[in-house]
Structures are given as C-alpha cells and as structure tokens.
C-alpha cells in the first residue's frame, strides 16, 4: 500500500487540496495502483518553520 506524503506551505484551500489528492491518485491509478490502496498525507507547514538558503521562507 503506497503512502505519499506532501509537505507544502500552509494556506491552500480545501478545494485545492482535494484537486491535489485527486491528481496524485490518478497518477497512481495509471501505474496500476487501486485508488483504495493509496494513502496521501498532506502536511501544511508554516513558512516560519521552513528554511531555504540560510533564511526562513517567511523572510524571503
């Protein structure tokens, strides 16, 4: 049973997350994974908890 974990900045709407989950599921179905076998975990991360290039994403 595949598990996909998506970590992204917080702030997306429920509709955007639904669209993302549907798209990821469709991609796995194309390679033969039954949709009920796939689990997708969305992690919303505040920008102040994400660092890039030596800076917090909230400061970029």
C-alpha atoms as a PDB file:
ATOM      1  CA  UNK A   1       0.000   0.000   0.000  1.00  0.00           C
ATOM      2  CA  UNK A   2       1.716   3.207  -1.163  1.00  0.00           C
ATOM      3  CA  UNK A   3       1.826   6.243   1.094  1.00  0.00           C
ATOM      4  CA  UNK A   4       2.513   9.664  -0.410  1.00  0.00           C
ATOM      5  CA  UNK A   5       3.493  12.484   1.944  1.00  0.00           C
ATOM      6  CA  UNK A   6       3.271  16.027   0.608  1.00  0.00           C
ATOM      7  CA  UNK A   7       4.847  18.810   2.632  1.00  0.00           C
ATOM      8  CA  UNK A   8       3.968  22.298   1.485  1.00  0.00           C
ATOM      9  CA  UNK A   9       3.440  25.800   2.767  1.00  0.00           C
ATOM     10  CA  UNK A  10       0.170  26.270   4.597  1.00  0.00           C
ATOM     11  CA  UNK A  11      -2.541  28.359   3.025  1.00  0.00           C
ATOM     12  CA  UNK A  12      -4.141  26.192   0.376  1.00  0.00           C
ATOM     13  CA  UNK A  13      -7.886  25.798   0.355  1.00  0.00           C
ATOM     14  CA  UNK A  14      -9.766  22.544   0.862  1.00  0.00           C
ATOM     15  CA  UNK A  15     -10.682  22.632  -2.846  1.00  0.00           C
ATOM     16  CA  UNK A  16      -7.006  22.953  -3.824  1.00  0.00           C
ATOM     17  CA  UNK A  17      -6.084  20.055  -1.545  1.00  0.00           C
ATOM     18  CA  UNK A  18      -8.921  17.963  -2.981  1.00  0.00           C
ATOM     19  CA  UNK A  19      -7.659  18.647  -6.501  1.00  0.00           C
ATOM     20  CA  UNK A  20      -4.130  17.682  -5.487  1.00  0.00           C
ATOM     21  CA  UNK A  21      -5.279  14.415  -3.899  1.00  0.00           C
ATOM     22  CA  UNK A  22      -7.367  13.581  -6.981  1.00  0.00           C
ATOM     23  CA  UNK A  23      -4.381  14.239  -9.274  1.00  0.00           C
ATOM     24  CA  UNK A  24      -1.944  12.168  -7.217  1.00  0.00           C
ATOM     25  CA  UNK A  25      -4.474   9.353  -7.057  1.00  0.00           C
ATOM     26  CA  UNK A  26      -4.994   9.459 -10.834  1.00  0.00           C
ATOM     27  CA  UNK A  27      -1.237   9.205 -11.408  1.00  0.00           C
ATOM     28  CA  UNK A  28      -1.009   6.103  -9.218  1.00  0.00           C
ATOM     29  CA  UNK A  29      -4.057   4.523 -10.858  1.00  0.00           C
ATOM     30  CA  UNK A  30      -2.270   4.929 -14.234  1.00  0.00           C
ATOM     31  CA  UNK A  31       0.520   2.674 -12.957  1.00  0.00           C
ATOM     32  CA  UNK A  32      -1.883   0.051 -11.657  1.00  0.00           C
ATOM     33  CA  UNK A  33      -2.404   1.018  -8.015  1.00  0.00           C
ATOM     34  CA  UNK A  34      -6.052   0.715  -6.940  1.00  0.00           C
ATOM     35  CA  UNK A  35      -7.276   4.028  -5.505  1.00  0.00           C
ATOM     36  CA  UNK A  36      -8.370   2.401  -2.250  1.00  0.00           C
ATOM     37  CA  UNK A  37      -4.803   1.153  -1.714  1.00  0.00           C
ATOM     38  CA  UNK A  38      -3.266   4.634  -1.803  1.00  0.00           C
ATOM     39  CA  UNK A  39      -2.875   6.869   1.229  1.00  0.00           C
ATOM     40  CA  UNK A  40      -1.968  10.545   0.889  1.00  0.00           C
ATOM     41  CA  UNK A  41      -0.875  12.704   3.812  1.00  0.00           C
ATOM     42  CA  UNK A  42      -0.824  16.469   3.374  1.00  0.00           C
ATOM     43  CA  UNK A  43       1.338  18.388   5.805  1.00  0.00           C
ATOM     44  CA  UNK A  44       0.799  22.141   5.992  1.00  0.00           C
ATOM     45  CA  UNK A  45       3.977  23.819   7.173  1.00  0.00           C
ATOM     46  CA  UNK A  46       4.043  27.476   8.239  1.00  0.00           C
ATOM     47  CA  UNK A  47       6.642  29.469   6.294  1.00  0.00           C
ATOM     48  CA  UNK A  48       8.365  30.394   9.553  1.00  0.00           C
ATOM     49  CA  UNK A  49       9.074  26.672  10.060  1.00  0.00           C
ATOM     50  CA  UNK A  50      10.744  26.208   6.659  1.00  0.00           C
ATOM     51  CA  UNK A  51      14.297  27.262   5.873  1.00  0.00           C
ATOM     52  CA  UNK A  52      15.890  27.740   2.459  1.00  0.00           C
ATOM     53  CA  UNK A  53      19.230  29.212   1.550  1.00  0.00           C
ATOM     54  CA  UNK A  54      20.030  30.089   5.136  1.00  0.00           C
ATOM     55  CA  UNK A  55      16.819  32.046   5.673  1.00  0.00           C
ATOM     56  CA  UNK A  56      13.318  31.336   6.866  1.00  0.00           C
ATOM     57  CA  UNK A  57      10.874  31.132   3.986  1.00  0.00           C
ATOM     58  CA  UNK A  58       8.781  33.770   5.771  1.00  0.00           C
ATOM     59  CA  UNK A  59      11.683  36.224   5.420  1.00  0.00           C
ATOM     60  CA  UNK A  60      12.245  35.747   1.697  1.00  0.00           C
END
